[in-house]
Amino acid sequence: GHILTANQNFLDTMGYALDEIQGHHHRMFIAPQERGSAQYAAFWERLGQGAHDSGRYRRIRKDGSDVWLQASYNPIFDKRGQPLKVIKYATDITEQQHRQADSEGQLAAISKVQAIIEFELDGTIVRANDLFLNAVGYRADEVLGRHHSMFVPADEARSSAYKDFWRRLRNGEHDTGQYMRVGKGGRQVWIEASYNPIFDAQGRPFKVV
């Protein structure tokens, strides 16, 4: 784990000059409470045996701030096939990590006060939070993998209007209003709701929430 060299991109990311890190151990970039952990020791043991490691890693800059890296640690082998050194390739994803944490925090906050259910584009249920399940009276295992039509009166589920409702959602159009839904045992449940298509990086709908 002792540092041989690093390029300027790495130095700029971590806030060091090369002579400040050369010859030092990689643990200088690790949070103090993790440096002596069995997990960190096992990390270098695996690399020393020729196994590679990749993922997202929290590291510490010179100024003490966090940096998140998407990185791979790659053992380099000599002519006899023995591990010789390790090269790390990394991308700074700190801003992305912060945005993700912010989004997850907002979703967690919303989930505490709103009934939420997620569907495939064809209406298959993939997730429902406790508030939704409590509203309709089902357990998660009773709804996951089933179609949204289980919450709709049978005559409505067969209607062209209902088919058109899902066609619009699949096409990326949202729908909002008051809806009568059917809970467990046939109980009527009125909800004020919005059905929101979620889009991928190419702008294509991939699920409905």
Protein backbone atom coordinates (compact mmCIF):
# COMPACT_ATOMS: atom_id res chain seq x y z
CA GLY A 1 0.00 0.00 0.00
CA HIS A 2 2.97 2.37 -0.06
CA ILE A 3 2.68 5.01 -2.76
CA LEU A 4 5.12 4.93 -5.68
CA THR A 5 3.72 7.76 -7.79
CA ALA A 6 0.52 9.56 -8.74
CA ASN A 7 -0.49 11.72 -11.67
CA GLN A 8 -1.48 15.38 -11.45
CA ASN A 9 -5.21 14.64 -11.68
CA PHE A 10 -4.99 12.49 -8.57
CA LEU A 11 -2.86 15.06 -6.73
CA ASP A 12 -5.28 17.87 -7.61
CA THR A 13 -8.24 15.78 -6.47
CA MET A 14 -6.65 14.99 -3.10
CA GLY A 15 -4.97 18.39 -2.60
CA TYR A 16 -1.40 17.12 -2.22
CA ALA A 17 1.93 17.60 -3.99
CA LEU A 18 3.68 14.40 -5.08
CA ASP A 19 6.48 14.70 -2.51
CA GLU A 20 3.85 14.88 0.27
CA ILE A 21 2.52 11.40 -0.51
CA GLN A 22 5.38 9.47 -2.16
CA GLY A 23 6.60 6.67 0.11
CA HIS A 24 3.63 7.08 2.46
CA HIS A 25 0.98 4.41 2.89
CA HIS A 26 -2.41 4.62 1.17
CA ARG A 27 -4.02 4.76 4.63
CA MET A 28 -3.27 8.50 4.70
CA PHE A 29 -6.37 8.87 2.47
CA ILE A 30 -8.57 6.79 4.77
CA ALA A 31 -10.77 8.08 7.61
CA PRO A 32 -8.84 7.64 10.91
CA GLN A 33 -11.44 5.29 12.40
CA GLU A 34 -11.11 2.93 9.40
CA ARG A 35 -7.31 2.79 9.10
CA GLY A 36 -6.82 0.06 11.68
CA SER A 37 -9.92 -1.94 10.79
CA ALA A 38 -9.86 -5.61 9.79
CA GLN A 39 -11.80 -4.67 6.66
CA TYR A 40 -9.08 -2.29 5.49
CA ALA A 41 -6.34 -4.84 6.24
CA ALA A 42 -8.28 -7.46 4.25
CA PHE A 43 -8.62 -4.98 1.37
CA TRP A 44 -4.83 -4.78 0.98
CA GLU A 45 -4.42 -8.49 1.62
CA ARG A 46 -6.71 -9.25 -1.33
CA LEU A 47 -4.85 -6.80 -3.57
CA GLY A 48 -1.51 -8.31 -2.50
CA GLN A 49 -2.76 -11.72 -3.55
CA GLY A 50 -3.64 -10.45 -7.04
CA ALA A 51 -7.37 -9.80 -6.65
CA HIS A 52 -8.70 -6.51 -8.02
CA ASP A 53 -11.21 -4.29 -6.25
CA SER A 54 -13.64 -1.75 -7.68
CA GLY A 55 -16.52 0.38 -6.45
CA ARG A 56 -17.28 3.69 -4.76
CA TYR A 57 -14.91 4.72 -2.01
CA ARG A 58 -14.93 7.53 0.52
CA ARG A 59 -11.46 9.06 0.86
CA ILE A 60 -10.07 12.05 2.80
CA ARG A 61 -8.43 15.06 1.14
CA LYS A 62 -5.47 16.93 2.60
CA ASP A 63 -7.84 19.56 4.05
CA GLY A 64 -9.84 16.84 5.84
CA SER A 65 -12.86 17.01 3.55
CA ASP A 66 -14.47 13.94 2.02
CA VAL A 67 -13.96 12.94 -1.58
CA TRP A 68 -15.92 10.12 -3.21
CA LEU A 69 -14.14 8.14 -5.91
CA GLN A 70 -15.44 5.65 -8.43
CA ALA A 71 -12.28 3.59 -8.66
CA SER A 72 -10.64 0.30 -9.54
CA TYR A 73 -7.54 -1.10 -7.84
CA ASN A 74 -5.71 -3.29 -10.35
CA PRO A 75 -2.80 -5.59 -9.40
CA ILE A 76 -0.01 -5.64 -12.00
CA PHE A 77 1.82 -8.97 -12.44
CA ASP A 78 5.46 -9.75 -13.27
CA LYS A 79 6.61 -12.24 -15.91
CA ARG A 80 6.15 -15.11 -13.45
CA GLY A 81 2.53 -14.10 -12.82
CA GLN A 82 3.26 -12.77 -9.33
CA PRO A 83 1.63 -9.51 -8.19
CA LEU A 84 4.17 -6.71 -8.52
CA LYS A 85 2.29 -3.50 -7.72
CA VAL A 86 -1.21 -2.02 -7.74
CA ILE A 87 -2.51 0.74 -10.00
CA LYS A 88 -5.61 2.68 -9.05
CA TYR A 89 -7.77 4.39 -11.68
CA ALA A 90 -10.29 6.79 -10.20
CA THR A 91 -12.94 9.38 -11.07
CA ASP A 92 -14.07 12.05 -8.63
CA ILE A 93 -17.83 11.52 -8.12
CA THR A 94 -18.21 13.68 -4.99
CA GLU A 95 -20.85 15.99 -6.50
CA GLN A 96 -22.78 13.01 -7.87
CA GLN A 97 -22.64 11.32 -4.46
CA HIS A 98 -23.92 14.47 -2.75
CA ARG A 99 -26.78 14.78 -5.26
CA GLN A 100 -27.67 11.13 -4.71
CA ALA A 101 -27.62 11.54 -0.92
CA ASP A 102 -29.78 14.67 -1.25
CA SER A 103 -32.27 12.86 -3.51
CA GLU A 104 -32.40 9.83 -1.22
CA GLY A 105 -32.95 12.10 1.77
CA GLN A 106 -35.80 13.90 0.04
CA LEU A 107 -37.41 10.61 -1.02
CA ALA A 108 -37.11 9.27 2.54
CA ALA A 109 -38.76 12.44 3.88
CA ILE A 110 -41.59 12.20 1.32
CA SER A 111 -42.09 8.53 2.09
CA LYS A 112 -42.80 9.37 5.73
CA VAL A 113 -45.86 11.45 4.85
CA GLN A 114 -47.02 10.19 1.43
CA ALA A 115 -48.35 6.85 0.24
CA ILE A 116 -46.02 5.75 -2.58
CA ILE A 117 -46.24 2.87 -5.04
CA GLU A 118 -44.00 2.10 -8.02
CA PHE A 119 -44.94 0.28 -11.24
CA GLU A 120 -43.34 -1.12 -14.34
CA LEU A 121 -44.57 0.63 -17.48
CA ASP A 122 -47.11 -2.16 -17.98
CA GLY A 123 -48.64 -1.52 -14.53
CA THR A 124 -46.90 -4.33 -12.64
CA ILE A 125 -46.28 -3.35 -9.01
CA VAL A 126 -42.60 -3.32 -8.00
CA ARG A 127 -42.64 -1.46 -4.66
CA ALA A 128 -45.10 0.05 -2.20
CA ASN A 129 -44.35 1.87 1.04
CA ASP A 130 -46.08 1.19 4.36
CA LEU A 131 -48.41 4.19 4.08
CA PHE A 132 -49.76 2.93 0.77
CA LEU A 133 -50.12 -0.63 2.05
CA ASN A 134 -51.94 0.61 5.16
CA ALA A 135 -54.31 2.65 2.99
CA VAL A 136 -55.36 -0.33 0.87
CA GLY A 137 -55.07 -2.94 3.63
CA TYR A 138 -52.57 -5.27 1.94
CA ARG A 139 -49.16 -6.65 2.88
CA ALA A 140 -46.25 -6.11 0.48
CA ASP A 141 -46.15 -9.78 -0.56
CA GLU A 142 -49.84 -9.59 -1.55
CA VAL A 143 -49.29 -6.82 -4.11
CA LEU A 144 -45.71 -7.13 -5.45
CA GLY A 145 -45.68 -8.58 -8.96
CA ARG A 146 -49.42 -8.05 -9.44
CA HIS A 147 -51.01 -5.47 -11.73
CA HIS A 148 -52.38 -2.08 -10.70
CA SER A 149 -55.80 -3.29 -11.90
CA MET A 150 -56.17 -5.15 -8.59
CA PHE A 151 -57.05 -1.75 -7.08
CA VAL A 152 -59.62 -0.93 -9.79
CA PRO A 153 -63.26 -2.14 -10.11
CA ALA A 154 -63.45 -5.02 -12.59
CA ASP A 155 -65.62 -3.15 -15.13
CA GLU A 156 -63.22 -0.17 -15.08
CA ALA A 157 -60.17 -2.45 -15.50
CA ARG A 158 -61.73 -3.84 -18.71
CA SER A 159 -62.55 -0.40 -20.11
CA SER A 160 -60.83 1.38 -22.97
CA ALA A 161 -60.40 4.41 -20.67
CA TYR A 162 -58.26 2.32 -18.29
CA LYS A 163 -56.15 0.97 -21.14
CA ASP A 164 -55.71 4.54 -22.39
CA PHE A 165 -54.70 5.64 -18.85
CA TRP A 166 -51.73 3.23 -18.93
CA ARG A 167 -50.93 4.04 -22.56
CA ARG A 168 -50.51 7.73 -21.64
CA LEU A 169 -48.29 6.86 -18.66
CA ARG A 170 -46.11 4.62 -20.85
CA ASN A 171 -45.77 7.53 -23.28
CA GLY A 172 -44.45 9.78 -20.51
CA GLU A 173 -47.63 11.72 -19.68
CA HIS A 174 -48.49 12.17 -16.02
CA ASP A 175 -51.98 11.85 -14.57
CA THR A 176 -53.32 13.54 -11.47
CA GLY A 177 -56.69 13.74 -9.74
CA GLN A 178 -59.02 11.99 -7.30
CA TYR A 179 -59.44 8.27 -7.85
CA MET A 180 -61.65 5.60 -6.34
CA ARG A 181 -59.58 2.52 -5.64
CA VAL A 182 -60.49 -0.88 -4.21
CA GLY A 183 -58.71 -2.04 -1.07
CA LYS A 184 -58.54 -5.50 0.45
CA GLY A 185 -61.94 -7.10 0.89
CA GLY A 186 -63.53 -4.77 -1.67
CA ARG A 187 -63.32 -1.69 0.57
CA GLN A 188 -63.52 1.60 -1.37
CA VAL A 189 -60.54 3.92 -0.89
CA TRP A 190 -60.57 7.44 -2.32
CA ILE A 191 -57.15 8.94 -3.02
CA GLU A 192 -55.83 12.29 -4.18
CA ALA A 193 -52.92 11.12 -6.30
CA SER A 194 -50.48 11.76 -9.13
CA TYR A 195 -49.06 9.09 -11.42
CA ASN A 196 -45.61 10.22 -12.53
CA PRO A 197 -43.55 8.55 -15.28
CA ILE A 198 -39.85 8.46 -14.34
CA PHE A 199 -37.37 9.00 -17.16
CA ASP A 200 -33.92 7.53 -17.79
CA ALA A 201 -30.84 9.50 -18.89
CA GLN A 202 -32.05 9.37 -22.53
CA GLY A 203 -35.43 10.85 -21.59
CA ARG A 204 -37.31 7.57 -21.99
CA PRO A 205 -39.94 6.52 -19.40
CA PHE A 206 -38.88 3.41 -17.49
CA LYS A 207 -41.29 3.25 -14.54
CA VAL A 208 -44.23 5.03 -12.95
CA VAL A 209 -44.39 6.32 -9.38
